[in-house]
Amino acid sequence: MKLKGKIVDIHNKRIFKGEVTFKDGKIFSIEEREHDFENYIMPGFVDAHIHIESSMLVPSEFARLAVKHGTLATVSDPHEIANVMGIEGVNFMIENGKQVPFKFNFGAPSCVPATTFESAGATIDSNDIKSLLENPDIKYLAEMMNYPGVLFDDAEVMQKIEWAKHFGKPIDGHAPGLLGEDISKYINTGISTDHECFTHDEALEKLQKGMKILIREGSAAKNFDALIDLAPEYFESMMFCSDDKHPDDLLVGHINQLCARAIAKGIDVFKVLQMACVNPVKHYNLEVGLLQVGGAADCIVIEDLTHFKTLQTYVNGELVFDNGISKIKPVTFKNLNNFNCDKKQVSDFKVKSKSNKIRVIEAMEGQLVTNEIIEKCKIDNGNAVSNTDNDILKMTVVNRYQNTKPAMAFIKNFGLKHGAIASSVGHDSHNIIAVGVSDEAICQAVNLIIEHKGGICAVFNAEEKILPLPVAGIISDKDGETVAKAYAELDGMAKALGNTLQSPYMTLSFMALLVIPSLKLSDKGLFNGKIFQFTSLEV
């Protein structure tokens, strides 16, 4: 097998006309040759941190879409399915990913459950972490979200870190807003990366202290604009990632889009490609080829170095994408789930209140962080209710693993004027999360999710629309195009009901993410992420 084109040699920072020869899945030779081919041959893109589950696709379906954009490898944290199914879920992701020509690199989820302040479907302790890290298919210790545990030398947390050191595997970080002596201590434990920076100064301090910083641009959390100006100086210590990518977005593009945006800002192409292709491979010791003789025949053919439109993708010498057609075939698999709650009554969502003021979660466009704001409460017959005029809407998190009373709160910036939306994708424990204009609408949406044992939905009176997620209650069993279309229709319905957020369902899912400040809701109650304590709804 021979490829001709303009060869992009990132290591030596040069581009030359040449010919690449594949043999037995390896690159046999790279030779300079004159020819008339104008396309470029370069290493493939690597997403340096992603939860495949957030695409709502099984790994094999994710791969089928990702190769269209020149992505041929990911550093994947199976944390989401682990919180639902434990090690069984991690093994499901590994085995499904092995069925297709794509290089998934899974980590050992370090925080299952993410906190003790919510109900999850499983627990992975330090002994389980040891067992996982012994597996050669597990490449690293995934994001250590329990940064308070690190700072206060929690024995179980530190044992997980020690096992990663014992097996010589990298340790991923997760420390939003952590600075000063706290971030120094966090880094000194051996934690080497962070993808949660949302300001230039935060990322700069972490870079200067030796951390690798991942520029995240996902479906909800978007930090590219805040961090990209650091790339010209710190490109050797930076990477690109999406963290969470919804299926409709994955149809459009992936890491190639971030490269195009960086080039448009005038950043040197070799610096951009080092971040997008080389740094993840080097940092995580991935078995991914970098267009070098003797290495794996992993590469892509692109139209230009401006837009990075992918024409062909090769994995171990196999053509997996060719001029608009993915050659990765669908994979059959055995389903698994963990959904054990009964349908709810409207009365379950009533909130008795005599207070004039309540704490409200303020959702932020393009961010996982929220604000805590104090707002006047609307009371109807002694119950606190949604106030659509002021966009203060009732929100609930319902335990999906057992029958308990729903937790209630209020949220701003969802903008709904009618109905409700709900999802069983609720990071990190994936309980049911819903927001709506009335108790009746919220109950209807929650029960629709329970009926299907997982999904995302929107309801308005008799109209109901749902994308079922039968795999662990967070992943579809359908093909990527079908899931993307259904998701786009739901996104449209949510916006027709009044939602003004760019990614309403992704943003909704993060309103239960307790490890990101400041005010969130778990199935156990309203939670202050700054001090890691529950707080009251009423002021």
Protein backbone atom coordinates (compact mmCIF):
# COMPACT_ATOMS: atom_id res chain seq x y z
CA MET A 1 0.00 0.00 0.00
CA LYS A 2 1.40 3.38 -1.04
CA LEU A 3 0.16 6.90 -0.36
CA LYS A 4 1.36 9.97 -2.22
CA GLY A 5 0.96 13.55 -1.05
CA LYS A 6 2.51 16.40 0.84
CA ILE A 7 3.87 14.78 3.98
CA VAL A 8 3.51 16.75 7.20
CA ASP A 9 6.53 15.94 9.38
CA ILE A 10 5.53 17.45 12.73
CA HIS A 11 8.67 16.26 14.52
CA ASN A 12 11.04 18.02 12.12
CA LYS A 13 8.66 20.88 11.34
CA ARG A 14 8.73 20.42 7.58
CA ILE A 15 6.38 19.58 4.72
CA PHE A 16 7.60 17.78 1.61
CA LYS A 17 6.24 15.88 -1.36
CA GLY A 18 6.67 12.18 -0.86
CA GLU A 19 5.37 8.65 -0.71
CA VAL A 20 4.41 6.58 2.34
CA THR A 21 4.49 2.77 2.11
CA PHE A 22 2.49 0.51 4.47
CA LYS A 23 3.41 -3.09 5.18
CA ASP A 24 1.80 -5.40 7.74
CA GLY A 25 0.08 -2.54 9.52
CA LYS A 26 3.32 -0.58 9.93
CA ILE A 27 4.94 2.26 8.02
CA PHE A 28 7.61 0.57 5.95
CA SER A 29 9.09 3.67 4.34
CA ILE A 30 8.69 7.42 3.87
CA GLU A 31 10.48 8.78 0.82
CA GLU A 32 10.71 12.18 -0.79
CA ARG A 33 9.28 11.96 -4.29
CA GLU A 34 8.07 14.48 -6.85
CA HIS A 35 4.45 14.01 -7.92
CA ASP A 36 1.29 15.97 -8.71
CA PHE A 37 -0.73 15.10 -5.59
CA GLU A 38 -1.78 18.22 -3.60
CA ASN A 39 -3.40 16.53 -0.60
CA TYR A 40 -1.59 16.33 2.75
CA ILE A 41 -0.63 13.19 4.67
CA MET A 42 -0.29 13.61 8.44
CA PRO A 43 -0.77 11.80 11.77
CA GLY A 44 -4.37 11.40 12.89
CA PHE A 45 -6.08 13.42 15.58
CA VAL A 46 -6.36 12.26 19.19
CA ASP A 47 -9.04 13.49 21.59
CA ALA A 48 -7.00 13.77 24.79
CA HIS A 49 -9.96 13.43 27.16
CA ILE A 50 -13.48 12.28 26.40
CA HIS A 51 -16.33 10.36 27.94
CA ILE A 52 -17.57 8.28 25.01
CA GLU A 53 -20.85 7.76 26.85
CA SER A 54 -21.72 11.44 26.49
CA SER A 55 -22.04 10.95 22.75
CA MET A 56 -24.90 8.57 23.68
CA LEU A 57 -23.19 6.04 21.40
CA VAL A 58 -21.43 2.78 22.11
CA PRO A 59 -17.68 3.01 21.33
CA SER A 60 -18.00 1.19 18.00
CA GLU A 61 -20.60 3.74 16.79
CA PHE A 62 -18.56 6.65 18.11
CA ALA A 63 -15.59 5.40 16.09
CA ARG A 64 -17.67 5.13 12.93
CA LEU A 65 -18.43 8.86 13.13
CA ALA A 66 -15.12 10.11 14.53
CA VAL A 67 -12.95 8.71 11.72
CA LYS A 68 -14.84 10.97 9.29
CA HIS A 69 -13.07 13.91 10.91
CA GLY A 70 -9.59 12.36 11.04
CA THR A 71 -9.83 11.23 14.67
CA LEU A 72 -8.35 7.77 15.03
CA ALA A 73 -7.73 7.57 18.77
CA THR A 74 -9.16 8.79 22.05
CA VAL A 75 -8.10 8.94 25.68
CA SER A 76 -11.40 7.78 27.11
CA ASP A 77 -12.60 7.88 30.71
CA PRO A 78 -15.45 5.33 31.15
CA HIS A 79 -16.41 7.11 34.35
CA GLU A 80 -20.04 7.60 33.32
CA ILE A 81 -20.95 3.98 32.72
CA ALA A 82 -18.82 2.96 35.71
CA ASN A 83 -21.01 5.09 37.98
CA VAL A 84 -23.99 3.10 36.73
CA MET A 85 -22.57 -0.40 36.20
CA GLY A 86 -19.17 -0.51 37.92
CA ILE A 87 -16.36 -2.61 36.44
CA GLU A 88 -18.90 -4.47 34.29
CA GLY A 89 -19.54 -1.20 32.49
CA VAL A 90 -15.83 -0.50 32.01
CA ASN A 91 -15.33 -3.96 30.51
CA PHE A 92 -18.31 -3.42 28.20
CA MET A 93 -16.70 -0.27 26.79
CA ILE A 94 -13.32 -1.95 26.30
CA GLU A 95 -14.74 -5.02 24.57
CA ASN A 96 -17.10 -3.08 22.32
CA GLY A 97 -14.28 -0.75 21.31
CA LYS A 98 -12.07 -3.70 20.39
CA GLN A 99 -14.54 -4.79 17.73
CA VAL A 100 -13.63 -1.93 15.38
CA PRO A 101 -10.42 -0.49 13.85
CA PHE A 102 -10.04 2.51 16.16
CA LYS A 103 -7.67 3.16 19.04
CA PHE A 104 -9.65 3.64 22.24
CA ASN A 105 -7.46 4.11 25.30
CA PHE A 106 -9.55 3.66 28.42
CA GLY A 107 -8.64 4.74 31.94
CA ALA A 108 -9.52 3.41 35.39
CA PRO A 109 -12.31 5.63 36.77
CA SER A 110 -10.91 7.11 39.96
CA CYS A 111 -14.11 8.50 41.49
CA VAL A 112 -16.99 6.02 41.52
CA PRO A 113 -19.11 7.31 43.06
CA ALA A 114 -17.86 10.80 42.32
CA THR A 115 -18.84 11.92 45.82
CA THR A 116 -20.57 10.48 48.87
CA PHE A 117 -23.23 13.17 48.53
CA GLU A 118 -25.19 11.37 45.79
CA SER A 119 -26.53 7.91 44.99
CA ALA A 120 -24.71 5.98 42.28
CA GLY A 121 -25.16 2.50 40.88
CA ALA A 122 -21.73 1.17 41.81
CA THR A 123 -18.54 1.66 43.80
CA ILE A 124 -14.97 1.25 42.57
CA ASP A 125 -12.57 1.22 45.52
CA SER A 126 -8.78 1.19 45.61
CA ASN A 127 -8.66 -2.61 45.32
CA ASP A 128 -10.77 -2.37 42.17
CA ILE A 129 -8.45 0.34 40.86
CA LYS A 130 -5.48 -1.99 41.39
CA SER A 131 -7.27 -4.72 39.45
CA LEU A 132 -8.13 -2.35 36.61
CA LEU A 133 -4.62 -0.89 36.36
CA GLU A 134 -3.16 -4.38 36.10
CA ASN A 135 -5.09 -4.72 32.83
CA PRO A 136 -2.93 -3.64 29.85
CA ASP A 137 -6.10 -2.27 28.23
CA ILE A 138 -6.26 0.37 30.98
CA LYS A 139 -3.78 3.12 30.12
CA TYR A 140 -4.07 5.62 32.99
CA LEU A 141 -5.87 6.62 36.20
CA ALA A 142 -8.77 8.76 35.03
CA GLU A 143 -9.58 12.23 36.32
CA MET A 144 -9.19 12.60 40.07
CA MET A 145 -12.28 14.72 40.68
CA ASN A 146 -12.13 14.35 44.43
CA TYR A 147 -9.64 17.16 44.86
CA PRO A 148 -10.74 17.77 48.48
CA GLY A 149 -9.75 14.15 49.14
CA VAL A 150 -6.32 14.85 47.67
CA LEU A 151 -5.88 18.06 49.64
CA PHE A 152 -6.90 16.40 52.92
CA ASP A 153 -4.90 13.20 52.30
CA ASP A 154 -7.90 10.88 52.22
CA ALA A 155 -6.47 7.38 52.59
CA GLU A 156 -8.60 5.76 49.88
CA VAL A 157 -7.93 8.55 47.39
CA MET A 158 -4.19 8.46 48.03
CA GLN A 159 -4.12 4.65 47.66
CA LYS A 160 -5.66 4.94 44.19
CA ILE A 161 -2.96 7.43 43.23
CA GLU A 162 -0.27 5.16 44.65
CA TRP A 163 -1.49 2.24 42.55
CA ALA A 164 -1.19 4.35 39.41
CA LYS A 165 2.38 5.23 40.36
CA HIS A 166 3.10 1.57 41.10
CA PHE A 167 2.02 0.54 37.60
CA GLY A 168 3.73 3.53 35.98
CA LYS A 169 0.55 4.93 34.48
CA PRO A 170 -0.31 8.65 34.15
CA ILE A 171 -2.78 10.28 36.54
CA ASP A 172 -5.39 12.66 35.14
CA GLY A 173 -6.58 15.66 37.09
CA HIS A 174 -9.80 17.60 37.56
CA ALA A 175 -9.37 20.73 39.63
CA PRO A 176 -11.60 23.62 38.50
CA GLY A 177 -10.51 26.92 40.01
CA LEU A 178 -7.86 25.36 42.25
CA LEU A 179 -4.91 27.76 42.65
CA GLY A 180 -2.03 28.69 44.94
CA GLU A 181 -0.81 26.22 47.55
CA ASP A 182 -3.78 23.95 46.94
CA ILE A 183 -2.95 23.32 43.28
CA SER A 184 0.73 22.89 44.19
CA LYS A 185 -0.16 20.11 46.63
CA TYR A 186 -2.52 18.54 44.09
CA ILE A 187 0.23 18.47 41.44
CA ASN A 188 2.85 17.17 43.86
CA THR A 189 0.86 13.97 44.39
CA GLY A 190 1.68 13.06 40.78
CA ILE A 191 -1.46 14.33 39.06
CA SER A 192 -0.30 15.53 35.67
CA THR A 193 -3.18 17.05 33.67
CA ASP A 194 -6.20 19.30 33.97
CA HIS A 195 -9.02 19.85 31.48
CA GLU A 196 -11.18 22.02 33.74
CA CYS A 197 -9.47 25.41 33.36
CA PHE A 198 -11.91 28.10 32.32
CA THR A 199 -9.72 31.20 32.63
CA HIS A 200 -6.38 32.17 31.10
CA ASP A 201 -4.77 32.92 34.47
CA GLU A 202 -5.81 29.59 35.99
CA ALA A 203 -4.36 27.64 33.07
CA LEU A 204 -1.18 29.74 33.09
CA GLU A 205 -0.49 29.06 36.77
CA LYS A 206 -1.01 25.32 36.29
CA LEU A 207 1.23 25.28 33.21
CA GLN A 208 3.96 27.16 35.05
CA LYS A 209 3.76 24.60 37.86
CA GLY A 210 4.29 21.73 35.46
CA MET A 211 0.79 20.53 34.58
CA LYS A 212 -0.34 19.56 31.09
CA ILE A 213 -3.39 21.63 30.19
CA LEU A 214 -6.12 20.32 27.90
CA ILE A 215 -8.13 22.89 25.98
CA ARG A 216 -11.70 21.64 26.23
CA GLU A 217 -14.33 22.45 23.64
CA GLY A 218 -17.33 20.18 24.10
CA SER A 219 -21.04 20.42 23.45
CA ALA A 220 -21.64 22.39 26.67
CA ALA A 221 -18.28 23.41 28.20
CA LYS A 222 -16.36 25.63 25.82
CA ASN A 223 -12.96 26.93 26.93
CA PHE A 224 -11.12 27.29 23.61
CA ASP A 225 -11.37 31.07 23.41
CA ALA A 226 -10.23 31.54 27.02
CA LEU A 227 -7.14 29.33 26.69
CA ILE A 228 -5.93 29.22 23.09
CA ASP A 229 -3.69 32.31 23.42
CA LEU A 230 -1.44 30.23 25.70
CA ALA A 231 -0.69 27.79 22.88
CA PRO A 232 2.10 29.69 21.05
CA GLU A 233 4.31 29.60 24.16
CA TYR A 234 3.10 26.44 25.91
CA PHE A 235 2.17 24.17 22.98
CA GLU A 236 4.50 21.44 24.22
CA SER A 237 2.38 21.11 27.37
CA MET A 238 -1.10 21.48 25.88
CA MET A 239 -3.61 19.23 24.12
CA PHE A 240 -7.12 19.41 22.69
CA CYS A 241 -10.12 17.55 24.07
CA SER A 242 -13.89 17.58 23.92
CA ASP A 243 -14.69 15.92 27.29
CA ASP A 244 -18.36 15.57 26.35
CA LYS A 245 -19.57 15.52 22.75
CA HIS A 246 -23.21 15.07 21.77
CA PRO A 247 -24.00 13.04 18.63
CA ASP A 248 -25.28 15.89 16.47
CA ASP A 249 -22.06 17.82 17.11
CA LEU A 250 -19.95 14.74 16.34
CA LEU A 251 -21.59 14.47 12.93
CA VAL A 252 -20.27 17.95 12.10
CA GLY A 253 -16.69 17.79 13.39
CA HIS A 254 -14.27 16.93 16.14
CA ILE A 255 -10.64 17.84 16.95
CA ASN A 256 -10.20 18.99 13.33
CA GLN A 257 -12.46 21.95 14.10
CA LEU A 258 -10.21 23.11 16.93
CA CYS A 259 -7.17 22.90 14.65
CA ALA A 260 -8.93 25.05 12.06
CA ARG A 261 -9.85 27.63 14.69
CA ALA A 262 -6.30 27.74 16.03
CA ILE A 263 -4.87 28.22 12.52
CA ALA A 264 -7.38 31.02 11.92
CA LYS A 265 -5.91 32.78 14.96
CA GLY A 266 -2.47 32.69 13.33
CA ILE A 267 -0.90 29.96 15.46
CA ASP A 268 1.90 28.03 13.77
CA VAL A 269 0.58 24.86 12.14
CA PHE A 270 3.27 22.61 13.66
CA LYS A 271 2.44 23.85 17.16
CA VAL A 272 -1.24 23.21 16.55
CA LEU A 273 -0.63 19.70 15.22
CA GLN A 274 1.72 18.84 18.06
CA MET A 275 -1.15 19.59 20.45
CA ALA A 276 -3.72 17.72 18.37
CA CYS A 277 -1.70 14.66 17.36
CA VAL A 278 1.61 14.22 19.16
CA ASN A 279 1.27 15.34 22.78
CA PRO A 280 -1.50 12.89 23.78
CA VAL A 281 0.45 9.97 22.30
CA LYS A 282 3.61 10.94 24.17
CA HIS A 283 1.98 11.79 27.49
CA TYR A 284 -0.20 8.68 27.74
CA ASN A 285 2.26 6.31 26.03
CA LEU A 286 -0.32 5.38 23.41
CA GLU A 287 0.22 2.77 20.73
CA VAL A 288 -0.69 5.26 18.03
CA GLY A 289 1.49 5.91 15.01
CA LEU A 290 2.94 9.39 14.36
CA LEU A 291 3.88 8.96 10.70
CA GLN A 292 7.33 7.53 11.39
CA VAL A 293 9.04 4.53 9.84
CA GLY A 294 8.47 1.42 11.94
CA GLY A 295 5.47 2.89 13.71
CA ALA A 296 1.83 1.90 13.29
CA ALA A 297 0.36 2.90 9.93
CA ASP A 298 -2.04 5.40 11.50
CA CYS A 299 -2.51 8.54 9.42
CA ILE A 300 -5.00 10.72 7.59
CA VAL A 301 -5.17 12.38 4.20
CA ILE A 302 -6.58 15.90 4.33
CA GLU A 303 -7.48 18.52 1.77
CA ASP A 304 -5.51 21.40 3.29
CA LEU A 305 -3.91 22.73 6.47
CA THR A 306 -6.54 25.42 6.93
CA HIS A 307 -9.84 23.61 7.31
CA PHE A 308 -8.49 20.06 7.84
CA LYS A 309 -11.23 18.41 5.81
CA THR A 310 -10.50 14.68 6.01
CA LEU A 311 -10.45 12.66 2.79
CA GLN A 312 -9.13 9.36 4.15
CA THR A 313 -8.35 7.84 7.55
CA TYR A 314 -6.08 4.82 8.07
CA VAL A 315 -5.73 2.75 11.26
CA ASN A 316 -2.96 0.13 11.28
CA GLY A 317 -2.86 0.47 7.51
CA GLU A 318 -6.57 -0.23 7.14
CA LEU A 319 -8.67 2.33 5.26
CA VAL A 320 -11.50 3.13 7.69
CA PHE A 321 -12.84 6.30 6.03
CA ASP A 322 -12.76 7.18 2.36
CA ASN A 323 -14.20 10.30 0.70
CA GLY A 324 -17.34 10.66 2.77
CA ILE A 325 -17.91 7.00 3.63
CA SER A 326 -17.04 5.40 6.97
CA LYS A 327 -15.98 1.80 6.45
CA ILE A 328 -16.47 0.85 10.09
CA LYS A 329 -19.41 -1.54 10.36
CA PRO A 330 -22.03 -1.63 13.14
CA VAL A 331 -21.37 -4.10 15.95
CA THR A 332 -23.90 -6.25 17.76
CA PHE A 333 -23.69 -6.38 21.55
CA LYS A 334 -25.53 -7.58 24.65
CA ASN A 335 -27.34 -4.82 26.50
CA LEU A 336 -26.88 -3.95 30.19
CA ASN A 337 -28.78 -1.57 32.48
CA ASN A 338 -29.43 -0.56 36.09
CA PHE A 339 -32.79 1.17 36.52
CA ASN A 340 -34.80 0.29 39.60
CA CYS A 341 -37.25 3.06 40.54
CA ASP A 342 -41.04 3.27 40.20
CA LYS A 343 -43.02 6.03 38.52
CA LYS A 344 -43.69 9.15 40.57
CA GLN A 345 -46.80 11.14 41.56
CA VAL A 346 -47.29 14.87 40.98
CA SER A 347 -47.40 15.36 44.73
CA ASP A 348 -43.80 14.06 44.96
CA PHE A 349 -42.58 17.28 43.34
CA LYS A 350 -44.36 19.78 45.57
CA VAL A 351 -42.15 22.06 47.68
CA LYS A 352 -43.76 23.45 50.83
CA SER A 353 -42.34 26.88 51.58
CA LYS A 354 -43.00 29.88 53.77
CA SER A 355 -39.79 31.68 52.85
CA ASN A 356 -39.66 34.87 50.85
CA LYS A 357 -36.16 34.10 49.49
CA ILE A 358 -34.59 30.95 48.06
CA ARG A 359 -31.20 29.85 46.75
CA VAL A 360 -31.28 29.44 42.98
CA ILE A 361 -28.82 27.68 40.66
CA GLU A 362 -27.75 30.05 37.90
CA ALA A 363 -26.77 28.02 34.83
CA MET A 364 -24.04 29.58 32.67
CA GLU A 365 -23.91 29.31 28.90
CA GLY A 366 -20.90 27.26 27.79
CA GLN A 367 -19.73 26.47 31.33
CA LEU A 368 -20.02 23.66 33.85
CA VAL A 369 -19.69 26.09 36.75
CA THR A 370 -22.81 27.70 38.16
CA ASN A 371 -23.53 30.64 40.41
CA GLU A 372 -25.60 30.72 43.58
CA ILE A 373 -28.08 33.57 43.50
CA ILE A 374 -30.81 34.61 45.92
CA GLU A 375 -34.23 35.20 44.40
CA LYS A 376 -37.76 35.91 45.57
CA CYS A 377 -39.86 32.76 45.74
CA LYS A 378 -43.23 32.46 44.00
CA ILE A 379 -45.74 30.77 46.35
CA ASP A 380 -49.01 29.13 45.30
CA ASN A 381 -51.19 27.62 48.05
CA GLY A 382 -48.16 27.25 50.30
CA ASN A 383 -46.03 25.60 47.62
CA ALA A 384 -42.96 27.08 45.92
CA VAL A 385 -43.59 26.94 42.15
CA SER A 386 -41.89 27.87 38.91
CA ASN A 387 -41.95 31.53 37.92
CA THR A 388 -41.73 31.70 34.13
CA ASP A 389 -41.90 35.49 34.14
CA ASN A 390 -38.58 35.69 36.00
CA ASP A 391 -37.19 32.43 34.52
CA ILE A 392 -36.96 30.76 37.94
CA LEU A 393 -37.93 27.17 37.19
CA LYS A 394 -38.40 24.15 39.42
CA MET A 395 -35.82 21.41 39.02
CA THR A 396 -35.59 17.87 40.37
CA VAL A 397 -33.11 15.02 40.67
CA VAL A 398 -34.74 11.60 41.11
CA ASN A 399 -32.82 8.56 42.37
CA ARG A 400 -33.06 5.95 39.62
CA TYR A 401 -31.46 3.12 41.61
CA GLN A 402 -34.08 2.91 44.37
CA ASN A 403 -37.34 4.54 45.44
CA THR A 404 -36.66 7.71 47.42
CA LYS A 405 -38.22 11.16 47.62
CA PRO A 406 -37.13 13.42 44.73
CA ALA A 407 -34.74 16.25 45.58
CA MET A 408 -35.97 19.70 44.58
CA ALA A 409 -34.37 23.04 43.71
CA PHE A 410 -34.83 26.03 41.42
CA ILE A 411 -32.77 27.10 38.43
CA LYS A 412 -32.35 30.19 36.26
CA ASN A 413 -31.48 30.55 32.54
CA PHE A 414 -33.34 27.53 31.17
CA GLY A 415 -36.02 29.86 29.86
CA LEU A 416 -38.84 27.33 29.46
CA LYS A 417 -42.28 28.84 28.98
CA HIS A 418 -44.09 25.54 28.57
CA GLY A 419 -43.68 21.87 29.50
CA ALA A 420 -40.54 20.20 30.82
CA ILE A 421 -37.38 18.44 29.74
CA ALA A 422 -35.68 15.51 31.47
CA SER A 423 -32.71 13.19 31.15
CA SER A 424 -31.19 10.13 32.78
CA VAL A 425 -27.80 11.49 31.69
CA GLY A 426 -27.06 13.37 34.90
CA HIS A 427 -23.37 13.60 35.67
CA ASP A 428 -21.88 11.88 37.52
CA SER A 429 -24.27 9.35 39.02
CA HIS A 430 -26.83 9.52 36.20
CA ASN A 431 -29.95 9.87 38.22
CA ILE A 432 -32.93 11.44 36.49
CA ILE A 433 -32.76 15.21 36.22
CA ALA A 434 -35.62 17.42 35.02
CA VAL A 435 -36.67 21.05 34.83
CA GLY A 436 -40.11 22.37 34.00
CA VAL A 437 -42.79 25.01 34.36
CA SER A 438 -45.11 22.94 36.58
CA ASP A 439 -45.14 19.94 38.89
CA GLU A 440 -47.39 18.12 36.41
CA ALA A 441 -45.00 18.64 33.49
CA ILE A 442 -41.97 17.61 35.56
CA CYS A 443 -43.73 14.45 36.74
CA GLN A 444 -44.76 13.59 33.18
CA ALA A 445 -41.18 13.97 31.91
CA VAL A 446 -39.64 11.99 34.78
CA ASN A 447 -42.11 9.14 34.31
CA LEU A 448 -41.41 9.00 30.59
CA ILE A 449 -37.72 8.44 31.40
CA ILE A 450 -38.58 5.77 33.98
CA GLU A 451 -40.92 4.00 31.55
CA HIS A 452 -38.10 3.63 29.00
CA LYS A 453 -35.44 2.87 31.65
CA GLY A 454 -33.34 5.74 30.40
CA GLY A 455 -33.38 8.52 27.84
CA ILE A 456 -33.73 12.22 27.21
CA CYS A 457 -37.15 13.73 26.62
CA ALA A 458 -39.34 16.79 26.26
CA VAL A 459 -43.04 17.03 27.08
CA PHE A 460 -45.79 19.60 26.57
CA ASN A 461 -49.32 18.50 27.42
CA ALA A 462 -50.10 15.52 25.16
CA GLU A 463 -46.94 15.92 23.09
CA GLU A 464 -44.07 13.67 24.21
CA LYS A 465 -40.74 13.13 22.48
CA ILE A 466 -38.02 10.80 23.77
CA LEU A 467 -34.67 9.40 22.69
CA PRO A 468 -34.46 6.07 24.57
CA LEU A 469 -31.06 5.20 26.09
CA PRO A 470 -31.37 1.53 27.03
CA VAL A 471 -27.64 0.85 27.45
CA ALA A 472 -27.01 1.62 31.14
CA GLY A 473 -29.69 4.29 30.82
CA ILE A 474 -27.16 6.65 29.20
CA ILE A 475 -26.33 5.19 25.76
CA SER A 476 -28.42 4.35 22.70
CA ASP A 477 -28.34 1.01 20.94
CA LYS A 478 -28.92 2.68 17.56
CA ASP A 479 -26.54 3.96 14.88
CA GLY A 480 -24.94 7.39 15.14
CA GLU A 481 -26.97 9.10 12.43
CA THR A 482 -30.26 7.92 13.93
CA VAL A 483 -29.25 9.07 17.40
CA ALA A 484 -28.00 12.43 16.10
CA LYS A 485 -31.28 13.07 14.26
CA ALA A 486 -33.39 12.16 17.30
CA TYR A 487 -31.22 14.29 19.55
CA ALA A 488 -31.46 17.28 17.18
CA GLU A 489 -35.27 16.96 17.16
CA LEU A 490 -35.33 16.96 20.97
CA ASP A 491 -32.99 19.93 21.06
CA GLY A 492 -35.39 21.73 18.72
CA MET A 493 -38.41 20.87 20.86
CA ALA A 494 -36.67 22.11 24.02
CA LYS A 495 -35.96 25.41 22.31
CA ALA A 496 -39.51 25.62 20.98
CA LEU A 497 -40.65 25.35 24.61
CA GLY A 498 -38.57 28.46 25.33
CA ASN A 499 -35.11 27.17 26.23
CA THR A 500 -32.41 29.64 25.20
CA LEU A 501 -29.27 27.60 25.89
CA GLN A 502 -27.10 26.36 23.04
CA SER A 503 -27.03 22.80 24.46
CA PRO A 504 -29.96 22.47 26.87
CA TYR A 505 -29.65 18.73 27.54
CA MET A 506 -25.89 18.77 28.02
CA THR A 507 -26.21 21.78 30.33
CA LEU A 508 -29.03 20.06 32.23
CA SER A 509 -26.89 16.96 32.74
CA PHE A 510 -24.20 19.01 34.48
CA MET A 511 -26.57 20.61 36.98
CA ALA A 512 -26.07 17.47 39.10
CA LEU A 513 -22.27 17.55 38.78
CA LEU A 514 -21.35 18.20 42.40
CA VAL A 515 -17.58 18.38 41.86
CA ILE A 516 -17.96 21.60 39.84
CA PRO A 517 -18.85 24.72 41.89
CA SER A 518 -20.84 26.34 43.01
CA LEU A 519 -24.49 25.33 43.50
CA LYS A 520 -25.75 21.96 42.20
CA LEU A 521 -28.46 19.42 43.00
CA SER A 522 -28.01 15.73 43.82
CA ASP A 523 -30.71 13.17 44.57
CA LYS A 524 -29.96 13.86 48.24
CA GLY A 525 -30.37 17.63 48.14
CA LEU A 526 -29.02 21.06 47.22
CA PHE A 527 -25.23 21.11 47.33
CA ASN A 528 -22.61 23.85 47.71
CA GLY A 529 -19.61 22.72 45.63
CA LYS A 530 -17.32 25.39 47.05
CA ILE A 531 -17.40 23.98 50.57
CA PHE A 532 -18.54 20.43 49.68
CA GLN A 533 -21.61 20.56 51.94
CA PHE A 534 -25.36 20.40 51.55
CA THR A 535 -27.20 23.68 51.88
CA SER A 536 -30.81 24.74 52.35
CA LEU A 537 -33.19 25.87 49.62
CA GLU A 538 -34.68 28.56 51.79
CA VAL A 539 -32.56 31.48 52.94
